[in-house]
Amino acid sequence: MASGSLDKCMNIWSVKEAKIVKTYNGDGCIFEVCWNKEGNKVAACFANKKVCVYDLRL
């Protein structure tokens, strides 16, 4: 699971363990996150009108 927040962080969660496994810091508040269908990338939409795609395979 992925979540974005007003603290400029996108968190990747382990649903099974109910904990954050990775945090990415952005340069603006995050209002929306979306996984690709393969489940290896997440896009984050920021308040400053930027969209970043994070490749989780790296």
PDB file of N, CA and C in Angstrom:
ATOM      1  N   MET A   1       0.846  -1.160   0.000  1.00  0.00           N
ATOM      2  CA  MET A   1       0.000   0.000   0.000  1.00  0.00           C
ATOM      3  C   MET A   1       0.900   1.234   0.000  1.00  0.00           C
ATOM      4  N   ALA A   2       0.413   2.319  -0.610  1.00  0.00           N
ATOM      5  CA  ALA A   2       1.145   3.582  -0.621  1.00  0.00           C
ATOM      6  C   ALA A   2       0.243   4.683  -0.084  1.00  0.00           C
ATOM      7  N   SER A   3       0.854   5.644   0.608  1.00  0.00           N
ATOM      8  CA  SER A   3       0.095   6.794   1.103  1.00  0.00           C
ATOM      9  C   SER A   3       0.940   8.049   0.948  1.00  0.00           C
ATOM     10  N   GLY A   4       0.276   9.154   0.672  1.00  0.00           N
ATOM     11  CA  GLY A   4       0.930  10.451   0.598  1.00  0.00           C
ATOM     12  C   GLY A   4       0.343  11.348   1.677  1.00  0.00           C
ATOM     13  N   SER A   5       1.062  12.425   2.021  1.00  0.00           N
ATOM     14  CA  SER A   5       0.561  13.267   3.101  1.00  0.00           C
ATOM     15  C   SER A   5       1.011  14.716   2.940  1.00  0.00           C
ATOM     16  N   LEU A   6       0.514  15.552   3.818  1.00  0.00           N
ATOM     17  CA  LEU A   6       0.854  16.965   3.809  1.00  0.00           C
ATOM     18  C   LEU A   6       2.271  17.220   4.302  1.00  0.00           C
ATOM     19  N   ASP A   7       2.926  16.221   4.890  1.00  0.00           N
ATOM     20  CA  ASP A   7       4.298  16.396   5.372  1.00  0.00           C
ATOM     21  C   ASP A   7       5.344  16.133   4.285  1.00  0.00           C
ATOM     22  N   LYS A   8       4.904  16.059   3.021  1.00  0.00           N
ATOM     23  CA  LYS A   8       5.768  15.904   1.840  1.00  0.00           C
ATOM     24  C   LYS A   8       6.379  14.517   1.728  1.00  0.00           C
ATOM     25  N   CYS A   9       5.797  13.538   2.390  1.00  0.00           N
ATOM     26  CA  CYS A   9       6.315  12.173   2.358  1.00  0.00           C
ATOM     27  C   CYS A   9       5.327  11.214   1.712  1.00  0.00           C
ATOM     28  N   MET A  10       5.878  10.279   0.937  1.00  0.00           N
ATOM     29  CA  MET A  10       5.089   9.161   0.444  1.00  0.00           C
ATOM     30  C   MET A  10       5.618   7.919   1.147  1.00  0.00           C
ATOM     31  N   ASN A  11       4.723   7.185   1.749  1.00  0.00           N
ATOM     32  CA  ASN A  11       5.099   5.986   2.487  1.00  0.00           C
ATOM     33  C   ASN A  11       4.624   4.744   1.759  1.00  0.00           C
ATOM     34  N   ILE A  12       5.498   3.740   1.712  1.00  0.00           N
ATOM     35  CA  ILE A  12       5.148   2.419   1.201  1.00  0.00           C
ATOM     36  C   ILE A  12       4.985   1.528   2.424  1.00  0.00           C
ATOM     37  N   TRP A  13       3.825   0.892   2.499  1.00  0.00           N
ATOM     38  CA  TRP A  13       3.460   0.109   3.678  1.00  0.00           C
ATOM     39  C   TRP A  13       3.459  -1.389   3.385  1.00  0.00           C
ATOM     40  N   SER A  14       3.801  -2.173   4.390  1.00  0.00           N
ATOM     41  CA  SER A  14       3.554  -3.614   4.368  1.00  0.00           C
ATOM     42  C   SER A  14       2.197  -3.810   5.049  1.00  0.00           C
ATOM     43  N   VAL A  15       1.217  -4.220   4.283  1.00  0.00           N
ATOM     44  CA  VAL A  15      -0.111  -4.445   4.858  1.00  0.00           C
ATOM     45  C   VAL A  15      -0.069  -5.625   5.825  1.00  0.00           C
ATOM     46  N   LYS A  16       0.691  -6.634   5.466  1.00  0.00           N
ATOM     47  CA  LYS A  16       0.796  -7.828   6.315  1.00  0.00           C
ATOM     48  C   LYS A  16       1.372  -7.500   7.694  1.00  0.00           C
ATOM     49  N   GLU A  17       2.411  -6.648   7.717  1.00  0.00           N
ATOM     50  CA  GLU A  17       3.067  -6.309   8.974  1.00  0.00           C
ATOM     51  C   GLU A  17       2.539  -5.016   9.594  1.00  0.00           C
ATOM     52  N   ALA A  18       1.681  -4.291   8.881  1.00  0.00           N
ATOM     53  CA  ALA A  18       1.098  -3.027   9.348  1.00  0.00           C
ATOM     54  C   ALA A  18       2.167  -2.014   9.755  1.00  0.00           C
ATOM     55  N   LYS A  19       3.204  -1.877   8.872  1.00  0.00           N
ATOM     56  CA  LYS A  19       4.252  -0.906   9.160  1.00  0.00           C
ATOM     57  C   LYS A  19       4.799  -0.318   7.865  1.00  0.00           C
ATOM     58  N   ILE A  20       5.437   0.839   7.985  1.00  0.00           N
ATOM     59  CA  ILE A  20       6.067   1.505   6.849  1.00  0.00           C
ATOM     60  C   ILE A  20       7.382   0.804   6.536  1.00  0.00           C
ATOM     61  N   VAL A  21       7.581   0.468   5.246  1.00  0.00           N
ATOM     62  CA  VAL A  21       8.818  -0.190   4.849  1.00  0.00           C
ATOM     63  C   VAL A  21       9.755   0.735   4.075  1.00  0.00           C
ATOM     64  N   LYS A  22       9.239   1.835   3.517  1.00  0.00           N
ATOM     65  CA  LYS A  22      10.063   2.794   2.783  1.00  0.00           C
ATOM     66  C   LYS A  22       9.362   4.144   2.767  1.00  0.00           C
ATOM     67  N   THR A  23      10.125   5.214   2.910  1.00  0.00           N
ATOM     68  CA  THR A  23       9.591   6.572   2.841  1.00  0.00           C
ATOM     69  C   THR A  23      10.367   7.355   1.795  1.00  0.00           C
ATOM     70  N   TYR A  24       9.639   8.063   0.942  1.00  0.00           N
ATOM     71  CA  TYR A  24      10.228   8.945  -0.058  1.00  0.00           C
ATOM     72  C   TYR A  24       9.833  10.373   0.299  1.00  0.00           C
ATOM     73  N   ASN A  25      10.793  11.285   0.265  1.00  0.00           N
ATOM     74  CA  ASN A  25      10.533  12.694   0.566  1.00  0.00           C
ATOM     75  C   ASN A  25      10.407  13.483  -0.721  1.00  0.00           C
ATOM     76  N   GLY A  26       9.352  14.281  -0.816  1.00  0.00           N
ATOM     77  CA  GLY A  26       9.135  15.129  -1.977  1.00  0.00           C
ATOM     78  C   GLY A  26       9.368  16.580  -1.645  1.00  0.00           C
ATOM     79  N   ASP A  27       8.992  17.457  -2.578  1.00  0.00           N
ATOM     80  CA  ASP A  27       9.183  18.884  -2.345  1.00  0.00           C
ATOM     81  C   ASP A  27       7.863  19.641  -2.282  1.00  0.00           C
ATOM     82  N   GLY A  28       6.809  18.925  -1.941  1.00  0.00           N
ATOM     83  CA  GLY A  28       5.496  19.534  -1.774  1.00  0.00           C
ATOM     84  C   GLY A  28       4.541  18.545  -1.141  1.00  0.00           C
ATOM     85  N   CYS A  29       3.403  19.025  -0.687  1.00  0.00           N
ATOM     86  CA  CYS A  29       2.387  18.149  -0.099  1.00  0.00           C
ATOM     87  C   CYS A  29       1.897  17.172  -1.160  1.00  0.00           C
ATOM     88  N   ILE A  30       1.650  15.940  -0.769  1.00  0.00           N
ATOM     89  CA  ILE A  30       1.205  14.904  -1.697  1.00  0.00           C
ATOM     90  C   ILE A  30      -0.296  14.695  -1.512  1.00  0.00           C
ATOM     91  N   PHE A  31      -1.030  14.852  -2.610  1.00  0.00           N
ATOM     92  CA  PHE A  31      -2.476  14.724  -2.547  1.00  0.00           C
ATOM     93  C   PHE A  31      -3.003  13.409  -3.100  1.00  0.00           C
ATOM     94  N   GLU A  32      -2.213  12.726  -3.921  1.00  0.00           N
ATOM     95  CA  GLU A  32      -2.701  11.482  -4.508  1.00  0.00           C
ATOM     96  C   GLU A  32      -1.524  10.597  -4.882  1.00  0.00           C
ATOM     97  N   VAL A  33      -1.691   9.294  -4.707  1.00  0.00           N
ATOM     98  CA  VAL A  33      -0.702   8.317  -5.154  1.00  0.00           C
ATOM     99  C   VAL A  33      -1.431   7.245  -5.959  1.00  0.00           C
ATOM    100  N   CYS A  34      -0.701   6.628  -6.886  1.00  0.00           N
ATOM    101  CA  CYS A  34      -1.319   5.619  -7.745  1.00  0.00           C
ATOM    102  C   CYS A  34      -0.259   4.608  -8.178  1.00  0.00           C
ATOM    103  N   TRP A  35      -0.563   3.325  -8.041  1.00  0.00           N
ATOM    104  CA  TRP A  35       0.327   2.242  -8.483  1.00  0.00           C
ATOM    105  C   TRP A  35       0.127   1.977  -9.966  1.00  0.00           C
ATOM    106  N   ASN A  36       1.181   1.505 -10.657  1.00  0.00           N
ATOM    107  CA  ASN A  36       0.993   0.989 -12.008  1.00  0.00           C
ATOM    108  C   ASN A  36       0.459  -0.437 -11.893  1.00  0.00           C
ATOM    109  N   LYS A  37      -0.007  -1.000 -13.002  1.00  0.00           N
ATOM    110  CA  LYS A  37      -0.667  -2.316 -12.914  1.00  0.00           C
ATOM    111  C   LYS A  37       0.303  -3.443 -12.585  1.00  0.00           C
ATOM    112  N   GLU A  38       1.610  -3.262 -12.859  1.00  0.00           N
ATOM    113  CA  GLU A  38       2.591  -4.285 -12.511  1.00  0.00           C
ATOM    114  C   GLU A  38       2.949  -4.251 -11.025  1.00  0.00           C
ATOM    115  N   GLY A  39       2.651  -3.150 -10.365  1.00  0.00           N
ATOM    116  CA  GLY A  39       2.909  -3.028  -8.935  1.00  0.00           C
ATOM    117  C   GLY A  39       4.350  -2.705  -8.583  1.00  0.00           C
ATOM    118  N   ASN A  40       5.127  -2.189  -9.554  1.00  0.00           N
ATOM    119  CA  ASN A  40       6.527  -1.876  -9.259  1.00  0.00           C
ATOM    120  C   ASN A  40       6.855  -0.386  -9.328  1.00  0.00           C
ATOM    121  N   LYS A  41       5.851   0.446  -9.619  1.00  0.00           N
ATOM    122  CA  LYS A  41       6.041   1.899  -9.659  1.00  0.00           C
ATOM    123  C   LYS A  41       4.853   2.589  -9.010  1.00  0.00           C
ATOM    124  N   VAL A  42       5.135   3.740  -8.385  1.00  0.00           N
ATOM    125  CA  VAL A  42       4.077   4.543  -7.769  1.00  0.00           C
ATOM    126  C   VAL A  42       4.253   5.982  -8.240  1.00  0.00           C
ATOM    127  N   ALA A  43       3.163   6.608  -8.652  1.00  0.00           N
ATOM    128  CA  ALA A  43       3.175   8.021  -9.019  1.00  0.00           C
ATOM    129  C   ALA A  43       2.614   8.823  -7.856  1.00  0.00           C
ATOM    130  N   ALA A  44       3.210   9.977  -7.610  1.00  0.00           N
ATOM    131  CA  ALA A  44       2.740  10.878  -6.558  1.00  0.00           C
ATOM    132  C   ALA A  44       2.444  12.237  -7.173  1.00  0.00           C
ATOM    133  N   CYS A  45       1.275  12.811  -6.840  1.00  0.00           N
ATOM    134  CA  CYS A  45       0.881  14.140  -7.314  1.00  0.00           C
ATOM    135  C   CYS A  45       1.084  15.129  -6.175  1.00  0.00           C
ATOM    136  N   PHE A  46       1.897  16.161  -6.446  1.00  0.00           N
ATOM    137  CA  PHE A  46       2.264  17.138  -5.435  1.00  0.00           C
ATOM    138  C   PHE A  46       1.465  18.424  -5.571  1.00  0.00           C
ATOM    139  N   ALA A  47       1.362  19.171  -4.501  1.00  0.00           N
ATOM    140  CA  ALA A  47       0.624  20.435  -4.476  1.00  0.00           C
ATOM    141  C   ALA A  47       1.250  21.482  -5.388  1.00  0.00           C
ATOM    142  N   ASN A  48       2.541  21.362  -5.671  1.00  0.00           N
ATOM    143  CA  ASN A  48       3.223  22.334  -6.526  1.00  0.00           C
ATOM    144  C   ASN A  48       3.097  21.984  -8.016  1.00  0.00           C
ATOM    145  N   LYS A  49       2.114  21.136  -8.336  1.00  0.00           N
ATOM    146  CA  LYS A  49       1.762  20.748  -9.712  1.00  0.00           C
ATOM    147  C   LYS A  49       2.800  19.852 -10.382  1.00  0.00           C
ATOM    148  N   LYS A  50       3.581  19.135  -9.588  1.00  0.00           N
ATOM    149  CA  LYS A  50       4.538  18.161 -10.111  1.00  0.00           C
ATOM    150  C   LYS A  50       3.987  16.757  -9.908  1.00  0.00           C
ATOM    151  N   VAL A  51       4.368  15.870 -10.806  1.00  0.00           N
ATOM    152  CA  VAL A  51       4.066  14.455 -10.661  1.00  0.00           C
ATOM    153  C   VAL A  51       5.398  13.722 -10.735  1.00  0.00           C
ATOM    154  N   CYS A  52       5.653  12.861  -9.763  1.00  0.00           N
ATOM    155  CA  CYS A  52       6.882  12.064  -9.749  1.00  0.00           C
ATOM    156  C   CYS A  52       6.504  10.591  -9.769  1.00  0.00           C
ATOM    157  N   VAL A  53       7.272   9.829 -10.530  1.00  0.00           N
ATOM    158  CA  VAL A  53       7.075   8.381 -10.575  1.00  0.00           C
ATOM    159  C   VAL A  53       8.274   7.742  -9.899  1.00  0.00           C
ATOM    160  N   TYR A  54       7.997   6.922  -8.914  1.00  0.00           N
ATOM    161  CA  TYR A  54       9.049   6.232  -8.152  1.00  0.00           C
ATOM    162  C   TYR A  54       9.101   4.785  -8.604  1.00  0.00           C
ATOM    163  N   ASP A  55      10.272   4.347  -9.037  1.00  0.00           N
ATOM    164  CA  ASP A  55      10.490   2.956  -9.454  1.00  0.00           C
ATOM    165  C   ASP A  55      10.937   2.173  -8.226  1.00  0.00           C
ATOM    166  N   LEU A  56      10.098   1.301  -7.749  1.00  0.00           N
ATOM    167  CA  LEU A  56      10.384   0.577  -6.497  1.00  0.00           C
ATOM    168  C   LEU A  56      11.319  -0.606  -6.704  1.00  0.00           C
ATOM    169  N   ARG A  57      11.692  -0.882  -7.947  1.00  0.00           N
ATOM    170  CA  ARG A  57      12.635  -1.981  -8.208  1.00  0.00           C
ATOM    171  C   ARG A  57      14.070  -1.570  -7.909  1.00  0.00           C
ATOM    172  N   LEU A  58      14.326  -0.287  -7.771  1.00  0.00           N
ATOM    173  CA  LEU A  58      15.697   0.209  -7.548  1.00  0.00           C
ATOM    174  C   LEU A  58      16.079   0.159  -6.098  1.00  0.00           C
TER     175      LEU A  58
END
